[in-house]
Amino acid sequence: MSAERLHRIDGIIELCAEERGDPADPTVLLIAGLGQQLIAWPADLCDALVSRGLHVVRFDNRDVGRSTHMDTAPPTPVEFVTRRWDPARYSLDDMACDTWRLMQALDLDDVHLVGMSMGGMIAQNVAARYPDRVASLTSIMSTTGAKRVGRPAPSTWRRMLGRPPADREAAIAATVSMLLHIGSHGFAVDEAQLRALAEEAWNRGAGPDAHEGVARQLAAIFKSGDRTGLVREITVPTLVIHGDRDRMVHPTGGAATAAAIPGARLHTIRGMGHDLPAGAYPELVDVIAAHALRAAPVPA
């Protein structure tokens, strides 16, 4: 495993990334979701993928963790209601470009993209916009942005619209509460592990200002709107994974994604919500590794 490193991808943005495994093996690039850092991809899951003969890279998107936090003001409620966005607001396409530039910085070709939630949306855009560097796509608990599919449960919206926490303990408690709410109710839950994750996220992130980056990422999703037309342009082998108990992205989002991408395969994990439960690691590793290795280019 390499230490976390910052990679400058343009004149403004640096992305923090970590590599595991042999760079000569097929590369799986893990893209995290809304407000999530690279640690949202559990180390045990990453190591299990390495044991299957894969080189694993995980990273912080812009505005979270140790990557660059933007200096634009967070979006206002009026922007979300009217959809009249400040021109300075970035979109999922900008975040997809970040990912593509990181692939260039790391000299990665024939990459197997694996994204969860918002990371799945970013991965979809990368696969559609930059197919020359992409060998396969795995979209996990994500959606196309189409209306009336993949919507959060009302109870999840209420939690997302609450006041941001004011200090470390409140932020950690709020994170654990949200993870318990949207998590996989069909698998065992380790609350101590969730708290440790929330504490590490606070230590790696922007502290009390972290919610501003999350709000800017959420605006990127809203600004990008319905991406079904773009998703239909994806030509790389695609696997769509979704749980049947997802309170953040309804399973209709996964079904819509699979329906939009020619030849895509939908794999449903029973009992999984909007997280990566330890009890589902064997199944997740099996399907992700099999899909990537099946699509891996044959050495000359």
Foldseek 3Di string as FASTA:
>chain_A
DDDWDWFDLDPAKTKTKDKDADPVFAEEEEFEAQLDFQCLCPPVLVVLLNVLRYIYMYIGFELFFQIHNDDDFFDDPVCLVVVPDDPPQAALLVSLVVVVSVCVRVVAAQHEYEYEASGLVSQLNNLLPPVRRHLEYEYELYAQQAPPAFAAAPVLVVLLPDDQDQFLVRQLVSQLVSCVVQWQQLDDDDSVVSSVSSNVRCVRTDGSCSVRSSSSHVSNSVNVHGRLVSSLSRDHAYEYEYECRENHTHCRRSVSSQVSYPPYYYDYDYRGYRGCDPVCSVVVSVVSSVSSVVRGDDDD
